[in-house]
Amino acid sequence: MKNTNTPLKLLDQVRDRIRTKHYSLRTETQYTQWIKRFILFHGKRHPQAMGAAEIEAFLTHLAVAGKVSASTQNQALSALLFLYKEVLSIDLPWLDKVVRARQPQRLPTVLTRTEV
């Protein structure tokens, strides 16, 4: 049984907020994993002591060193924005210095009438 006087740990606060907002279990799992990776990337500093510069550094690292896809980088960004806005109640300035992951270059396939 938990003592009601002790504050919840950060990831427990994240889970509680996600469940309050009725997000899916997979979203909860992914968001908590991205938040863990963010904290470990910055030497276990508390996110409240960090800000936009650290988020930009983490997301840039994912794109450059991690070579993640754009959708993966966007998922990490969404998790961190959720953490700061919904859990820590901190408004972040727009993150415009992030090196974005490259979108795949796909050419549409066009068929002629005879091929159809």
PDB file of N, CA and C in Angstrom:
ATOM      1  N   MET A   1       0.835  -1.177   0.000  1.00  0.00           N
ATOM      2  CA  MET A   1       0.000   0.000   0.000  1.00  0.00           C
ATOM      3  C   MET A   1       0.879   1.239   0.000  1.00  0.00           C
ATOM      4  N   LYS A   2       0.579   2.194  -0.902  1.00  0.00           N
ATOM      5  CA  LYS A   2       1.395   3.399  -1.014  1.00  0.00           C
ATOM      6  C   LYS A   2       1.028   4.407   0.067  1.00  0.00           C
ATOM      7  N   ASN A   3       2.051   5.091   0.522  1.00  0.00           N
ATOM      8  CA  ASN A   3       1.834   6.178   1.457  1.00  0.00           C
ATOM      9  C   ASN A   3       1.319   7.369   0.659  1.00  0.00           C
ATOM     10  N   THR A   4       0.186   7.926   1.034  1.00  0.00           N
ATOM     11  CA  THR A   4      -0.415   9.022   0.273  1.00  0.00           C
ATOM     12  C   THR A   4       0.307  10.342   0.462  1.00  0.00           C
ATOM     13  N   ASN A   5       1.203  10.427   1.422  1.00  0.00           N
ATOM     14  CA  ASN A   5       1.929  11.667   1.678  1.00  0.00           C
ATOM     15  C   ASN A   5       3.179  11.810   0.819  1.00  0.00           C
ATOM     16  N   THR A   6       3.705  10.716   0.286  1.00  0.00           N
ATOM     17  CA  THR A   6       4.909  10.799  -0.531  1.00  0.00           C
ATOM     18  C   THR A   6       4.519  11.174  -1.962  1.00  0.00           C
ATOM     19  N   PRO A   7       5.268  12.084  -2.572  1.00  0.00           N
ATOM     20  CA  PRO A   7       4.944  12.472  -3.945  1.00  0.00           C
ATOM     21  C   PRO A   7       5.249  11.324  -4.912  1.00  0.00           C
ATOM     22  N   LEU A   8       4.482  11.266  -5.994  1.00  0.00           N
ATOM     23  CA  LEU A   8       4.700  10.228  -7.001  1.00  0.00           C
ATOM     24  C   LEU A   8       5.986  10.497  -7.770  1.00  0.00           C
ATOM     25  N   LYS A   9       6.617   9.427  -8.201  1.00  0.00           N
ATOM     26  CA  LYS A   9       7.793   9.566  -9.044  1.00  0.00           C
ATOM     27  C   LYS A   9       7.349  10.121 -10.385  1.00  0.00           C
ATOM     28  N   LEU A  10       8.283  10.686 -11.122  1.00  0.00           N
ATOM     29  CA  LEU A  10       7.963  11.371 -12.375  1.00  0.00           C
ATOM     30  C   LEU A  10       7.240  10.459 -13.360  1.00  0.00           C
ATOM     31  N   LEU A  11       7.757   9.253 -13.586  1.00  0.00           N
ATOM     32  CA  LEU A  11       7.130   8.374 -14.566  1.00  0.00           C
ATOM     33  C   LEU A  11       5.751   7.899 -14.093  1.00  0.00           C
ATOM     34  N   ASP A  12       5.550   7.793 -12.782  1.00  0.00           N
ATOM     35  CA  ASP A  12       4.222   7.465 -12.266  1.00  0.00           C
ATOM     36  C   ASP A  12       3.250   8.623 -12.514  1.00  0.00           C
ATOM     37  N   GLN A  13       3.760   9.858 -12.391  1.00  0.00           N
ATOM     38  CA  GLN A  13       2.940  11.025 -12.703  1.00  0.00           C
ATOM     39  C   GLN A  13       2.556  11.033 -14.181  1.00  0.00           C
ATOM     40  N   VAL A  14       3.514  10.672 -15.043  1.00  0.00           N
ATOM     41  CA  VAL A  14       3.246  10.610 -16.480  1.00  0.00           C
ATOM     42  C   VAL A  14       2.172   9.567 -16.751  1.00  0.00           C
ATOM     43  N   ARG A  15       2.324   8.381 -16.184  1.00  0.00           N
ATOM     44  CA  ARG A  15       1.337   7.314 -16.394  1.00  0.00           C
ATOM     45  C   ARG A  15      -0.048   7.735 -15.916  1.00  0.00           C
ATOM     46  N   ASP A  16      -0.110   8.358 -14.740  1.00  0.00           N
ATOM     47  CA  ASP A  16      -1.403   8.802 -14.213  1.00  0.00           C
ATOM     48  C   ASP A  16      -2.053   9.825 -15.138  1.00  0.00           C
ATOM     49  N   ARG A  17      -1.264  10.757 -15.645  1.00  0.00           N
ATOM     50  CA  ARG A  17      -1.813  11.794 -16.530  1.00  0.00           C
ATOM     51  C   ARG A  17      -2.276  11.195 -17.857  1.00  0.00           C
ATOM     52  N   ILE A  18      -1.513  10.249 -18.389  1.00  0.00           N
ATOM     53  CA  ILE A  18      -1.899   9.582 -19.641  1.00  0.00           C
ATOM     54  C   ILE A  18      -3.205   8.821 -19.439  1.00  0.00           C
ATOM     55  N   ARG A  19      -3.342   8.143 -18.322  1.00  0.00           N
ATOM     56  CA  ARG A  19      -4.566   7.383 -18.061  1.00  0.00           C
ATOM     57  C   ARG A  19      -5.751   8.308 -17.828  1.00  0.00           C
ATOM     58  N   THR A  20      -5.509   9.446 -17.199  1.00  0.00           N
ATOM     59  CA  THR A  20      -6.570  10.428 -16.996  1.00  0.00           C
ATOM     60  C   THR A  20      -7.094  10.943 -18.330  1.00  0.00           C
ATOM     61  N   LYS A  21      -6.191  11.096 -19.304  1.00  0.00           N
ATOM     62  CA  LYS A  21      -6.577  11.594 -20.621  1.00  0.00           C
ATOM     63  C   LYS A  21      -7.027  10.475 -21.564  1.00  0.00           C
ATOM     64  N   HIS A  22      -7.073   9.242 -21.060  1.00  0.00           N
ATOM     65  CA  HIS A  22      -7.567   8.073 -21.802  1.00  0.00           C
ATOM     66  C   HIS A  22      -6.749   7.771 -23.060  1.00  0.00           C
ATOM     67  N   TYR A  23      -5.438   7.911 -22.957  1.00  0.00           N
ATOM     68  CA  TYR A  23      -4.567   7.513 -24.061  1.00  0.00           C
ATOM     69  C   TYR A  23      -4.455   5.991 -24.048  1.00  0.00           C
ATOM     70  N   SER A  24      -4.014   5.424 -25.162  1.00  0.00           N
ATOM     71  CA  SER A  24      -3.893   3.967 -25.240  1.00  0.00           C
ATOM     72  C   SER A  24      -2.699   3.476 -24.416  1.00  0.00           C
ATOM     73  N   LEU A  25      -2.733   2.180 -24.110  1.00  0.00           N
ATOM     74  CA  LEU A  25      -1.647   1.565 -23.348  1.00  0.00           C
ATOM     75  C   LEU A  25      -0.335   1.623 -24.121  1.00  0.00           C
ATOM     76  N   ARG A  26      -0.413   1.456 -25.438  1.00  0.00           N
ATOM     77  CA  ARG A  26       0.811   1.523 -26.258  1.00  0.00           C
ATOM     78  C   ARG A  26       1.404   2.927 -26.238  1.00  0.00           C
ATOM     79  N   THR A  27       0.555   3.938 -26.243  1.00  0.00           N
ATOM     80  CA  THR A  27       1.044   5.315 -26.150  1.00  0.00           C
ATOM     81  C   THR A  27       1.729   5.527 -24.811  1.00  0.00           C
ATOM     82  N   GLU A  28       1.127   5.028 -23.758  1.00  0.00           N
ATOM     83  CA  GLU A  28       1.724   5.144 -22.428  1.00  0.00           C
ATOM     84  C   GLU A  28       3.105   4.497 -22.396  1.00  0.00           C
ATOM     85  N   THR A  29       3.195   3.311 -22.951  1.00  0.00           N
ATOM     86  CA  THR A  29       4.471   2.586 -22.974  1.00  0.00           C
ATOM     87  C   THR A  29       5.528   3.359 -23.758  1.00  0.00           C
ATOM     88  N   GLN A  30       5.176   3.822 -24.938  1.00  0.00           N
ATOM     89  CA  GLN A  30       6.140   4.533 -25.778  1.00  0.00           C
ATOM     90  C   GLN A  30       6.558   5.867 -25.158  1.00  0.00           C
ATOM     91  N   TYR A  31       5.597   6.618 -24.649  1.00  0.00           N
ATOM     92  CA  TYR A  31       5.919   7.904 -24.040  1.00  0.00           C
ATOM     93  C   TYR A  31       6.860   7.735 -22.849  1.00  0.00           C
ATOM     94  N   THR A  32       6.587   6.760 -21.989  1.00  0.00           N
ATOM     95  CA  THR A  32       7.467   6.570 -20.833  1.00  0.00           C
ATOM     96  C   THR A  32       8.864   6.116 -21.267  1.00  0.00           C
ATOM     97  N   GLN A  33       8.946   5.305 -22.314  1.00  0.00           N
ATOM     98  CA  GLN A  33      10.269   4.900 -22.810  1.00  0.00           C
ATOM     99  C   GLN A  33      11.043   6.086 -23.373  1.00  0.00           C
ATOM    100  N   TRP A  34      10.369   6.949 -24.128  1.00  0.00           N
ATOM    101  CA  TRP A  34      11.059   8.120 -24.673  1.00  0.00           C
ATOM    102  C   TRP A  34      11.494   9.068 -23.567  1.00  0.00           C
ATOM    103  N   ILE A  35      10.681   9.229 -22.549  1.00  0.00           N
ATOM    104  CA  ILE A  35      11.048  10.109 -21.439  1.00  0.00           C
ATOM    105  C   ILE A  35      12.243   9.535 -20.679  1.00  0.00           C
ATOM    106  N   LYS A  36      12.274   8.213 -20.478  1.00  0.00           N
ATOM    107  CA  LYS A  36      13.429   7.563 -19.846  1.00  0.00           C
ATOM    108  C   LYS A  36      14.696   7.809 -20.663  1.00  0.00           C
ATOM    109  N   ARG A  37      14.600   7.607 -21.980  1.00  0.00           N
ATOM    110  CA  ARG A  37      15.770   7.805 -22.845  1.00  0.00           C
ATOM    111  C   ARG A  37      16.263   9.241 -22.790  1.00  0.00           C
ATOM    112  N   PHE A  38      15.336  10.189 -22.745  1.00  0.00           N
ATOM    113  CA  PHE A  38      15.686  11.605 -22.649  1.00  0.00           C
ATOM    114  C   PHE A  38      16.438  11.893 -21.350  1.00  0.00           C
ATOM    115  N   ILE A  39      15.936  11.364 -20.253  1.00  0.00           N
ATOM    116  CA  ILE A  39      16.575  11.580 -18.947  1.00  0.00           C
ATOM    117  C   ILE A  39      17.954  10.922 -18.909  1.00  0.00           C
ATOM    118  N   LEU A  40      18.071   9.706 -19.406  1.00  0.00           N
ATOM    119  CA  LEU A  40      19.367   9.017 -19.426  1.00  0.00           C
ATOM    120  C   LEU A  40      20.358   9.710 -20.355  1.00  0.00           C
ATOM    121  N   PHE A  41      19.876  10.240 -21.483  1.00  0.00           N
ATOM    122  CA  PHE A  41      20.744  10.943 -22.425  1.00  0.00           C
ATOM    123  C   PHE A  41      21.409  12.139 -21.761  1.00  0.00           C
ATOM    124  N   HIS A  42      20.704  12.784 -20.847  1.00  0.00           N
ATOM    125  CA  HIS A  42      21.243  13.968 -20.167  1.00  0.00           C
ATOM    126  C   HIS A  42      21.766  13.657 -18.771  1.00  0.00           C
ATOM    127  N   GLY A  43      22.241  12.439 -18.566  1.00  0.00           N
ATOM    128  CA  GLY A  43      22.908  12.088 -17.319  1.00  0.00           C
ATOM    129  C   GLY A  43      21.997  12.062 -16.112  1.00  0.00           C
ATOM    130  N   LYS A  44      20.762  11.613 -16.298  1.00  0.00           N
ATOM    131  CA  LYS A  44      19.782  11.445 -15.220  1.00  0.00           C
ATOM    132  C   LYS A  44      19.404  12.758 -14.541  1.00  0.00           C
ATOM    133  N   ARG A  45      19.485  13.858 -15.295  1.00  0.00           N
ATOM    134  CA  ARG A  45      19.001  15.142 -14.763  1.00  0.00           C
ATOM    135  C   ARG A  45      17.479  15.146 -14.792  1.00  0.00           C
ATOM    136  N   HIS A  46      16.873  15.827 -13.842  1.00  0.00           N
ATOM    137  CA  HIS A  46      15.416  15.913 -13.809  1.00  0.00           C
ATOM    138  C   HIS A  46      14.952  16.851 -14.938  1.00  0.00           C
ATOM    139  N   PRO A  47      13.910  16.466 -15.661  1.00  0.00           N
ATOM    140  CA  PRO A  47      13.428  17.298 -16.773  1.00  0.00           C
ATOM    141  C   PRO A  47      13.049  18.717 -16.364  1.00  0.00           C
ATOM    142  N   GLN A  48      12.672  18.912 -15.106  1.00  0.00           N
ATOM    143  CA  GLN A  48      12.321  20.253 -14.668  1.00  0.00           C
ATOM    144  C   GLN A  48      13.544  21.174 -14.673  1.00  0.00           C
ATOM    145  N   ALA A  49      14.724  20.602 -14.539  1.00  0.00           N
ATOM    146  CA  ALA A  49      15.962  21.383 -14.561  1.00  0.00           C
ATOM    147  C   ALA A  49      16.459  21.606 -15.992  1.00  0.00           C
ATOM    148  N   MET A  50      15.770  21.029 -16.959  1.00  0.00           N
ATOM    149  CA  MET A  50      16.167  21.163 -18.360  1.00  0.00           C
ATOM    150  C   MET A  50      15.092  21.935 -19.104  1.00  0.00           C
ATOM    151  N   GLY A  51      15.418  22.274 -20.361  1.00  0.00           N
ATOM    152  CA  GLY A  51      14.457  23.037 -21.143  1.00  0.00           C
ATOM    153  C   GLY A  51      14.565  22.743 -22.622  1.00  0.00           C
ATOM    154  N   ALA A  52      14.258  23.744 -23.414  1.00  0.00           N
ATOM    155  CA  ALA A  52      14.205  23.597 -24.870  1.00  0.00           C
ATOM    156  C   ALA A  52      15.562  23.186 -25.450  1.00  0.00           C
ATOM    157  N   ALA A  53      16.644  23.726 -24.927  1.00  0.00           N
ATOM    158  CA  ALA A  53      17.975  23.411 -25.463  1.00  0.00           C
ATOM    159  C   ALA A  53      18.283  21.917 -25.327  1.00  0.00           C
ATOM    160  N   GLU A  54      17.923  21.335 -24.196  1.00  0.00           N
ATOM    161  CA  GLU A  54      18.182  19.904 -23.986  1.00  0.00           C
ATOM    162  C   GLU A  54      17.282  19.038 -24.863  1.00  0.00           C
ATOM    163  N   ILE A  55      16.049  19.471 -25.059  1.00  0.00           N
ATOM    164  CA  ILE A  55      15.144  18.726 -25.948  1.00  0.00           C
ATOM    165  C   ILE A  55      15.673  18.771 -27.372  1.00  0.00           C
ATOM    166  N   GLU A  56      16.112  19.958 -27.816  1.00  0.00           N
ATOM    167  CA  GLU A  56      16.674  20.093 -29.164  1.00  0.00           C
ATOM    168  C   GLU A  56      17.909  19.214 -29.329  1.00  0.00           C
ATOM    169  N   ALA A  57      18.764  19.176 -28.306  1.00  0.00           N
ATOM    170  CA  ALA A  57      19.972  18.343 -28.377  1.00  0.00           C
ATOM    171  C   ALA A  57      19.605  16.869 -28.491  1.00  0.00           C
ATOM    172  N   PHE A  58      18.621  16.417 -27.719  1.00  0.00           N
ATOM    173  CA  PHE A  58      18.199  15.018 -27.746  1.00  0.00           C
ATOM    174  C   PHE A  58      17.603  14.653 -29.102  1.00  0.00           C
ATOM    175  N   LEU A  59      16.701  15.477 -29.609  1.00  0.00           N
ATOM    176  CA  LEU A  59      16.053  15.181 -30.884  1.00  0.00           C
ATOM    177  C   LEU A  59      17.046  15.237 -32.046  1.00  0.00           C
ATOM    178  N   THR A  60      17.986  16.162 -31.974  1.00  0.00           N
ATOM    179  CA  THR A  60      19.023  16.236 -33.004  1.00  0.00           C
ATOM    180  C   THR A  60      19.902  15.001 -32.954  1.00  0.00           C
ATOM    181  N   HIS A  61      20.243  14.558 -31.752  1.00  0.00           N
ATOM    182  CA  HIS A  61      21.042  13.333 -31.596  1.00  0.00           C
ATOM    183  C   HIS A  61      20.316  12.134 -32.212  1.00  0.00           C
ATOM    184  N   LEU A  62      18.995  12.049 -31.989  1.00  0.00           N
ATOM    185  CA  LEU A  62      18.226  10.949 -32.574  1.00  0.00           C
ATOM    186  C   LEU A  62      18.325  10.954 -34.094  1.00  0.00           C
ATOM    187  N   ALA A  63      18.231  12.135 -34.698  1.00  0.00           N
ATOM    188  CA  ALA A  63      18.242  12.238 -36.160  1.00  0.00           C
ATOM    189  C   ALA A  63      19.632  11.991 -36.732  1.00  0.00           C
ATOM    190  N   VAL A  64      20.643  12.571 -36.105  1.00  0.00           N
ATOM    191  CA  VAL A  64      21.998  12.519 -36.666  1.00  0.00           C
ATOM    192  C   VAL A  64      22.709  11.212 -36.301  1.00  0.00           C
ATOM    193  N   ALA A  65      22.856  10.944 -35.013  1.00  0.00           N
ATOM    194  CA  ALA A  65      23.593   9.753 -34.575  1.00  0.00           C
ATOM    195  C   ALA A  65      22.718   8.501 -34.609  1.00  0.00           C
ATOM    196  N   GLY A  66      21.453   8.653 -34.217  1.00  0.00           N
ATOM    197  CA  GLY A  66      20.566   7.505 -34.173  1.00  0.00           C
ATOM    198  C   GLY A  66      19.979   7.133 -35.514  1.00  0.00           C
ATOM    199  N   LYS A  67      20.009   8.082 -36.463  1.00  0.00           N
ATOM    200  CA  LYS A  67      19.468   7.877 -37.809  1.00  0.00           C
ATOM    201  C   LYS A  67      18.033   7.332 -37.769  1.00  0.00           C
ATOM    202  N   VAL A  68      17.215   7.908 -36.866  1.00  0.00           N
ATOM    203  CA  VAL A  68      15.826   7.465 -36.766  1.00  0.00           C
ATOM    204  C   VAL A  68      14.995   8.103 -37.875  1.00  0.00           C
ATOM    205  N   SER A  69      13.853   7.520 -38.143  1.00  0.00           N
ATOM    206  CA  SER A  69      12.962   8.072 -39.161  1.00  0.00           C
ATOM    207  C   SER A  69      12.279   9.328 -38.620  1.00  0.00           C
ATOM    208  N   ALA A  70      11.673  10.069 -39.519  1.00  0.00           N
ATOM    209  CA  ALA A  70      10.985  11.296 -39.123  1.00  0.00           C
ATOM    210  C   ALA A  70       9.822  10.984 -38.181  1.00  0.00           C
ATOM    211  N   SER A  71       9.105   9.905 -38.430  1.00  0.00           N
ATOM    212  CA  SER A  71       7.967   9.572 -37.569  1.00  0.00           C
ATOM    213  C   SER A  71       8.434   9.168 -36.173  1.00  0.00           C
ATOM    214  N   THR A  72       9.571   8.510 -36.071  1.00  0.00           N
ATOM    215  CA  THR A  72      10.120   8.143 -34.763  1.00  0.00           C
ATOM    216  C   THR A  72      10.531   9.390 -33.992  1.00  0.00           C
ATOM    217  N   GLN A  73      11.173  10.321 -34.690  1.00  0.00           N
ATOM    218  CA  GLN A  73      11.581  11.566 -34.051  1.00  0.00           C
ATOM    219  C   GLN A  73      10.341  12.361 -33.599  1.00  0.00           C
ATOM    220  N   ASN A  74       9.299  12.356 -34.410  1.00  0.00           N
ATOM    221  CA  ASN A  74       8.065  13.052 -34.043  1.00  0.00           C
ATOM    222  C   ASN A  74       7.412  12.417 -32.817  1.00  0.00           C
ATOM    223  N   GLN A  75       7.500  11.100 -32.706  1.00  0.00           N
ATOM    224  CA  GLN A  75       6.943  10.415 -31.535  1.00  0.00           C
ATOM    225  C   GLN A  75       7.705  10.825 -30.277  1.00  0.00           C
ATOM    226  N   ALA A  76       9.029  10.897 -30.369  1.00  0.00           N
ATOM    227  CA  ALA A  76       9.837  11.320 -29.222  1.00  0.00           C
ATOM    228  C   ALA A  76       9.493  12.764 -28.842  1.00  0.00           C
ATOM    229  N   LEU A  77       9.333  13.621 -29.847  1.00  0.00           N
ATOM    230  CA  LEU A  77       8.965  15.011 -29.593  1.00  0.00           C
ATOM    231  C   LEU A  77       7.606  15.090 -28.899  1.00  0.00           C
ATOM    232  N   SER A  78       6.645  14.318 -29.359  1.00  0.00           N
ATOM    233  CA  SER A  78       5.311  14.320 -28.754  1.00  0.00           C
ATOM    234  C   SER A  78       5.367  13.878 -27.292  1.00  0.00           C
ATOM    235  N   ALA A  79       6.174  12.872 -27.010  1.00  0.00           N
ATOM    236  CA  ALA A  79       6.305  12.392 -25.636  1.00  0.00           C
ATOM    237  C   ALA A  79       6.884  13.485 -24.733  1.00  0.00           C
ATOM    238  N   LEU A  80       7.904  14.179 -25.226  1.00  0.00           N
ATOM    239  CA  LEU A  80       8.535  15.220 -24.416  1.00  0.00           C
ATOM    240  C   LEU A  80       7.628  16.434 -24.251  1.00  0.00           C
ATOM    241  N   LEU A  81       6.893  16.787 -25.297  1.00  0.00           N
ATOM    242  CA  LEU A  81       5.949  17.894 -25.182  1.00  0.00           C
ATOM    243  C   LEU A  81       4.842  17.556 -24.188  1.00  0.00           C
ATOM    244  N   PHE A  82       4.379  16.305 -24.197  1.00  0.00           N
ATOM    245  CA  PHE A  82       3.379  15.856 -23.233  1.00  0.00           C
ATOM    246  C   PHE A  82       3.925  15.988 -21.815  1.00  0.00           C
ATOM    247  N   LEU A  83       5.155  15.535 -21.617  1.00  0.00           N
ATOM    248  CA  LEU A  83       5.784  15.614 -20.293  1.00  0.00           C
ATOM    249  C   LEU A  83       5.803  17.048 -19.786  1.00  0.00           C
ATOM    250  N   TYR A  84       6.304  17.950 -20.620  1.00  0.00           N
ATOM    251  CA  TYR A  84       6.462  19.330 -20.168  1.00  0.00           C
ATOM    252  C   TYR A  84       5.122  20.053 -20.020  1.00  0.00           C
ATOM    253  N   LYS A  85       4.207  19.843 -20.937  1.00  0.00           N
ATOM    254  CA  LYS A  85       2.938  20.570 -20.885  1.00  0.00           C
ATOM    255  C   LYS A  85       1.973  19.982 -19.864  1.00  0.00           C
ATOM    256  N   GLU A  86       1.769  18.677 -19.914  1.00  0.00           N
ATOM    257  CA  GLU A  86       0.723  18.045 -19.112  1.00  0.00           C
ATOM    258  C   GLU A  86       1.165  17.657 -17.701  1.00  0.00           C
ATOM    259  N   VAL A  87       2.425  17.275 -17.540  1.00  0.00           N
ATOM    260  CA  VAL A  87       2.878  16.774 -16.236  1.00  0.00           C
ATOM    261  C   VAL A  87       3.606  17.859 -15.441  1.00  0.00           C
ATOM    262  N   LEU A  88       4.552  18.533 -16.082  1.00  0.00           N
ATOM    263  CA  LEU A  88       5.350  19.539 -15.380  1.00  0.00           C
ATOM    264  C   LEU A  88       4.747  20.938 -15.458  1.00  0.00           C
ATOM    265  N   SER A  89       3.747  21.132 -16.325  1.00  0.00           N
ATOM    266  CA  SER A  89       3.100  22.441 -16.532  1.00  0.00           C
ATOM    267  C   SER A  89       4.103  23.531 -16.882  1.00  0.00           C
ATOM    268  N   ILE A  90       4.993  23.210 -17.834  1.00  0.00           N
ATOM    269  CA  ILE A  90       5.996  24.160 -18.302  1.00  0.00           C
ATOM    270  C   ILE A  90       5.754  24.391 -19.789  1.00  0.00           C
ATOM    271  N   ASP A  91       5.607  25.662 -20.167  1.00  0.00           N
ATOM    272  CA  ASP A  91       5.464  25.995 -21.587  1.00  0.00           C
ATOM    273  C   ASP A  91       6.852  26.171 -22.180  1.00  0.00           C
ATOM    274  N   LEU A  92       7.104  25.444 -23.253  1.00  0.00           N
ATOM    275  CA  LEU A  92       8.402  25.520 -23.911  1.00  0.00           C
ATOM    276  C   LEU A  92       8.325  26.451 -25.112  1.00  0.00           C
ATOM    277  N   PRO A  93       9.404  27.195 -25.379  1.00  0.00           N
ATOM    278  CA  PRO A  93       9.422  27.976 -26.621  1.00  0.00           C
ATOM    279  C   PRO A  93       9.486  27.017 -27.801  1.00  0.00           C
ATOM    280  N   TRP A  94       9.085  27.480 -28.946  1.00  0.00           N
ATOM    281  CA  TRP A  94       9.079  26.615 -30.133  1.00  0.00           C
ATOM    282  C   TRP A  94      10.472  26.088 -30.396  1.00  0.00           C
ATOM    283  N   LEU A  95      10.562  24.824 -30.731  1.00  0.00           N
ATOM    284  CA  LEU A  95      11.840  24.158 -30.939  1.00  0.00           C
ATOM    285  C   LEU A  95      12.215  24.255 -32.415  1.00  0.00           C
ATOM    286  N   ASP A  96      12.918  25.318 -32.790  1.00  0.00           N
ATOM    287  CA  ASP A  96      13.239  25.513 -34.210  1.00  0.00           C
ATOM    288  C   ASP A  96      14.682  25.174 -34.564  1.00  0.00           C
ATOM    289  N   LYS A  97      15.481  24.795 -33.587  1.00  0.00           N
ATOM    290  CA  LYS A  97      16.877  24.466 -33.873  1.00  0.00           C
ATOM    291  C   LYS A  97      17.107  22.958 -33.969  1.00  0.00           C
ATOM    292  N   VAL A  98      16.044  22.187 -34.008  1.00  0.00           N
ATOM    293  CA  VAL A  98      16.156  20.733 -34.082  1.00  0.00           C
ATOM    294  C   VAL A  98      16.486  20.317 -35.511  1.00  0.00           C
ATOM    295  N   VAL A  99      17.496  19.455 -35.645  1.00  0.00           N
ATOM    296  CA  VAL A  99      17.781  18.865 -36.953  1.00  0.00           C
ATOM    297  C   VAL A  99      16.731  17.794 -37.171  1.00  0.00           C
ATOM    298  N   ARG A 100      15.924  17.971 -38.196  1.00  0.00           N
ATOM    299  CA  ARG A 100      14.825  17.044 -38.452  1.00  0.00           C
ATOM    300  C   ARG A 100      15.334  15.813 -39.193  1.00  0.00           C
ATOM    301  N   ALA A 101      14.736  14.679 -38.865  1.00  0.00           N
ATOM    302  CA  ALA A 101      15.057  13.444 -39.577  1.00  0.00           C
ATOM    303  C   ALA A 101      14.557  13.586 -41.011  1.00  0.00           C
ATOM    304  N   ARG A 102      15.244  12.963 -41.933  1.00  0.00           N
ATOM    305  CA  ARG A 102      14.891  13.095 -43.344  1.00  0.00           C
ATOM    306  C   ARG A 102      13.642  12.292 -43.677  1.00  0.00           C
ATOM    307  N   GLN A 103      12.760  12.929 -44.437  1.00  0.00           N
ATOM    308  CA  GLN A 103      11.583  12.240 -44.942  1.00  0.00           C
ATOM    309  C   GLN A 103      12.017  11.378 -46.119  1.00  0.00           C
ATOM    310  N   PRO A 104      11.457  10.185 -46.257  1.00  0.00           N
ATOM    311  CA  PRO A 104      11.838   9.347 -47.393  1.00  0.00           C
ATOM    312  C   PRO A 104      11.360   9.976 -48.707  1.00  0.00           C
ATOM    313  N   GLN A 105      12.198   9.870 -49.732  1.00  0.00           N
ATOM    314  CA  GLN A 105      11.847  10.401 -51.043  1.00  0.00           C
ATOM    315  C   GLN A 105      11.154   9.314 -51.845  1.00  0.00           C
ATOM    316  N   ARG A 106       9.860   9.427 -51.961  1.00  0.00           N
ATOM    317  CA  ARG A 106       9.097   8.430 -52.702  1.00  0.00           C
ATOM    318  C   ARG A 106       8.482   9.084 -53.924  1.00  0.00           C
ATOM    319  N   LEU A 107       8.618   8.432 -55.031  1.00  0.00           N
ATOM    320  CA  LEU A 107       7.965   8.902 -56.237  1.00  0.00           C
ATOM    321  C   LEU A 107       6.677   8.111 -56.419  1.00  0.00           C
ATOM    322  N   PRO A 108       5.597   8.803 -56.746  1.00  0.00           N
ATOM    323  CA  PRO A 108       4.347   8.072 -56.934  1.00  0.00           C
ATOM    324  C   PRO A 108       4.411   7.201 -58.186  1.00  0.00           C
ATOM    325  N   THR A 109       3.777   6.072 -58.104  1.00  0.00           N
ATOM    326  CA  THR A 109       3.704   5.173 -59.247  1.00  0.00           C
ATOM    327  C   THR A 109       2.458   5.535 -60.053  1.00  0.00           C
ATOM    328  N   VAL A 110       2.684   5.868 -61.310  1.00  0.00           N
ATOM    329  CA  VAL A 110       1.572   6.238 -62.178  1.00  0.00           C
ATOM    330  C   VAL A 110       1.464   5.192 -63.279  1.00  0.00           C
ATOM    331  N   LEU A 111       0.286   4.625 -63.414  1.00  0.00           N
ATOM    332  CA  LEU A 111       0.051   3.605 -64.427  1.00  0.00           C
ATOM    333  C   LEU A 111      -0.680   4.219 -65.625  1.00  0.00           C
ATOM    334  N   THR A 112      -0.343   3.727 -66.800  1.00  0.00           N
ATOM    335  CA  THR A 112      -1.068   4.159 -67.997  1.00  0.00           C
ATOM    336  C   THR A 112      -2.384   3.414 -68.072  1.00  0.00           C
ATOM    337  N   ARG A 113      -3.261   3.838 -68.985  1.00  0.00           N
ATOM    338  CA  ARG A 113      -4.563   3.170 -69.119  1.00  0.00           C
ATOM    339  C   ARG A 113      -4.397   1.689 -69.470  1.00  0.00           C
ATOM    340  N   THR A 114      -3.439   1.363 -70.339  1.00  0.00           N
ATOM    341  CA  THR A 114      -3.259  -0.037 -70.748  1.00  0.00           C
ATOM    342  C   THR A 114      -2.713  -0.872 -69.586  1.00  0.00           C
ATOM    343  N   GLU A 115      -1.887  -0.281 -68.731  1.00  0.00           N
ATOM    344  CA  GLU A 115      -1.358  -1.018 -67.585  1.00  0.00           C
ATOM    345  C   GLU A 115      -2.433  -1.287 -66.545  1.00  0.00           C
ATOM    346  N   VAL A 116      -3.400  -0.393 -66.456  1.00  0.00           N
ATOM    347  CA  VAL A 116      -4.488  -0.576 -65.493  1.00  0.00           C
ATOM    348  C   VAL A 116      -5.356  -1.704 -65.978  1.00  0.00           C
TER     349      VAL A 116
END
